[in-house]
C-alpha atoms as a PDB file:
ATOM      1  CA  UNK A   1      -8.365   9.465  -6.959  1.00  0.00           C
ATOM      2  CA  UNK A   2      -5.176   8.842  -5.044  1.00  0.00           C
ATOM      3  CA  UNK A   3      -5.206   9.302  -1.311  1.00  0.00           C
ATOM      4  CA  UNK A   4      -2.376  11.288   0.271  1.00  0.00           C
ATOM      5  CA  UNK A   5      -0.106   8.751   1.937  1.00  0.00           C
ATOM      6  CA  UNK A   6       0.801  11.034   4.820  1.00  0.00           C
ATOM      7  CA  UNK A   7      -1.359  13.945   5.862  1.00  0.00           C
ATOM      8  CA  UNK A   8      -0.794  14.180   9.614  1.00  0.00           C
ATOM      9  CA  UNK A   9      -2.129  10.611   9.911  1.00  0.00           C
ATOM     10  CA  UNK A  10      -5.629  11.694   8.949  1.00  0.00           C
ATOM     11  CA  UNK A  11      -7.748   9.495   6.699  1.00  0.00           C
ATOM     12  CA  UNK A  12     -10.637  11.082   4.845  1.00  0.00           C
ATOM     13  CA  UNK A  13     -13.955   9.194   4.727  1.00  0.00           C
ATOM     14  CA  UNK A  14     -15.805   9.799   1.484  1.00  0.00           C
ATOM     15  CA  UNK A  15     -19.434   8.860   0.832  1.00  0.00           C
ATOM     16  CA  UNK A  16     -19.616   7.066   4.209  1.00  0.00           C
ATOM     17  CA  UNK A  17     -17.266   4.393   2.857  1.00  0.00           C
ATOM     18  CA  UNK A  18     -15.563   3.346   6.078  1.00  0.00           C
ATOM     19  CA  UNK A  19     -14.095   0.082   4.729  1.00  0.00           C
ATOM     20  CA  UNK A  20     -11.867   1.748   2.138  1.00  0.00           C
ATOM     21  CA  UNK A  21     -10.791   4.398   4.647  1.00  0.00           C
ATOM     22  CA  UNK A  22      -9.929   1.672   7.147  1.00  0.00           C
ATOM     23  CA  UNK A  23      -7.857  -0.136   4.487  1.00  0.00           C
ATOM     24  CA  UNK A  24      -5.970   3.083   3.753  1.00  0.00           C
ATOM     25  CA  UNK A  25      -5.332   3.660   7.463  1.00  0.00           C
ATOM     26  CA  UNK A  26      -4.041   0.103   7.899  1.00  0.00           C
ATOM     27  CA  UNK A  27      -1.767   0.587   4.898  1.00  0.00           C
ATOM     28  CA  UNK A  28      -0.352   3.824   6.330  1.00  0.00           C
ATOM     29  CA  UNK A  29       0.198   2.247   9.750  1.00  0.00           C
ATOM     30  CA  UNK A  30       1.783  -0.815   8.164  1.00  0.00           C
ATOM     31  CA  UNK A  31       4.180   1.239   6.051  1.00  0.00           C
ATOM     32  CA  UNK A  32       5.289   3.232   9.063  1.00  0.00           C
ATOM     33  CA  UNK A  33       5.866   0.111  11.177  1.00  0.00           C
ATOM     34  CA  UNK A  34       3.275   0.781  13.882  1.00  0.00           C
ATOM     35  CA  UNK A  35       1.531  -2.557  13.443  1.00  0.00           C
ATOM     36  CA  UNK A  36       4.792  -4.514  13.700  1.00  0.00           C
ATOM     37  CA  UNK A  37       5.772  -2.636  16.831  1.00  0.00           C
ATOM     38  CA  UNK A  38       2.339  -3.234  18.340  1.00  0.00           C
ATOM     39  CA  UNK A  39       2.486  -6.956  17.545  1.00  0.00           C
ATOM     40  CA  UNK A  40       5.952  -7.227  19.113  1.00  0.00           C
ATOM     41  CA  UNK A  41       4.867  -5.573  22.356  1.00  0.00           C
ATOM     42  CA  UNK A  42       1.783  -7.740  22.821  1.00  0.00           C
ATOM     43  CA  UNK A  43       3.840 -10.651  24.153  1.00  0.00           C
ATOM     44  CA  UNK A  44       7.186 -10.988  25.878  1.00  0.00           C
ATOM     45  CA  UNK A  45      10.051 -11.542  23.487  1.00  0.00           C
ATOM     46  CA  UNK A  46      13.043 -13.416  24.849  1.00  0.00           C
ATOM     47  CA  UNK A  47      16.388 -11.619  24.570  1.00  0.00           C
ATOM     48  CA  UNK A  48      17.723 -14.279  22.192  1.00  0.00           C
ATOM     49  CA  UNK A  49      14.697 -13.782  19.953  1.00  0.00           C
ATOM     50  CA  UNK A  50      15.247 -10.006  20.064  1.00  0.00           C
ATOM     51  CA  UNK A  51      18.872 -10.450  18.983  1.00  0.00           C
ATOM     52  CA  UNK A  52      17.902 -12.846  16.196  1.00  0.00           C
ATOM     53  CA  UNK A  53      15.188 -10.485  14.936  1.00  0.00           C
ATOM     54  CA  UNK A  54      17.469  -7.445  15.016  1.00  0.00           C
ATOM     55  CA  UNK A  55      20.273  -9.313  13.211  1.00  0.00           C
ATOM     56  CA  UNK A  56      17.792 -10.572  10.614  1.00  0.00           C
ATOM     57  CA  UNK A  57      16.436  -7.037  10.065  1.00  0.00           C
ATOM     58  CA  UNK A  58      19.985  -5.688   9.657  1.00  0.00           C
ATOM     59  CA  UNK A  59      20.921  -8.387   7.142  1.00  0.00           C
ATOM     60  CA  UNK A  60      17.667  -7.859   5.255  1.00  0.00           C
ATOM     61  CA  UNK A  61      18.169  -4.095   5.060  1.00  0.00           C
ATOM     62  CA  UNK A  62      21.745  -4.542   3.790  1.00  0.00           C
ATOM     63  CA  UNK A  63      20.590  -7.088   1.200  1.00  0.00           C
ATOM     64  CA  UNK A  64      17.655  -4.925   0.096  1.00  0.00           C
ATOM     65  CA  UNK A  65      19.864  -1.847  -0.221  1.00  0.00           C
ATOM     66  CA  UNK A  66      22.410  -3.774  -2.276  1.00  0.00           C
ATOM     67  CA  UNK A  67      19.748  -5.253  -4.552  1.00  0.00           C
ATOM     68  CA  UNK A  68      18.093  -1.855  -5.052  1.00  0.00           C
ATOM     69  CA  UNK A  69      21.480  -0.384  -5.990  1.00  0.00           C
ATOM     70  CA  UNK A  70      22.077  -3.172  -8.512  1.00  0.00           C
ATOM     71  CA  UNK A  71      18.572  -2.863  -9.972  1.00  0.00           C
ATOM     72  CA  UNK A  72      18.898   0.904 -10.346  1.00  0.00           C
ATOM     73  CA  UNK A  73      22.273   0.401 -12.008  1.00  0.00           C
ATOM     74  CA  UNK A  74      20.801  -2.017 -14.521  1.00  0.00           C
ATOM     75  CA  UNK A  75      17.699   0.083 -15.164  1.00  0.00           C
ATOM     76  CA  UNK A  76      19.480   3.361 -15.807  1.00  0.00           C
ATOM     77  CA  UNK A  77      19.757   4.613 -19.354  1.00  0.00           C
ATOM     78  CA  UNK A  78      22.779   5.798 -21.341  1.00  0.00           C
ATOM     79  CA  UNK A  79      25.207   3.536 -19.522  1.00  0.00           C
ATOM     80  CA  UNK A  80      28.413   2.303 -21.119  1.00  0.00           C
ATOM     81  CA  UNK A  81      28.102  -1.170 -22.594  1.00  0.00           C
ATOM     82  CA  UNK A  82      30.133  -3.441 -20.265  1.00  0.00           C
ATOM     83  CA  UNK A  83      30.704  -6.042 -22.989  1.00  0.00           C
ATOM     84  CA  UNK A  84      31.148  -4.211 -26.306  1.00  0.00           C
ATOM     85  CA  UNK A  85      30.499  -6.325 -29.376  1.00  0.00           C
ATOM     86  CA  UNK A  86      28.699  -9.116 -27.463  1.00  0.00           C
ATOM     87  CA  UNK A  87      25.028  -8.547 -28.194  1.00  0.00           C
END
């Protein structure tokens, strides 16, 4: 059975199985970025490190968006053959 990924941040415990529920909770928190934010605020981050991290995250998001666009373009069906006769 699939667990709802977002249900007001509530994790259901079934058959007293706390370990699997804890894994699901960690997965939800990780996907939403709470764990990264918590790890960043545990220690002081120098302003240069903040700038480097933010620039890296921007570049990574641009790259990921571009790659996802290219992958979706290649995976779509019924597209026009870009090189007709070259199979």
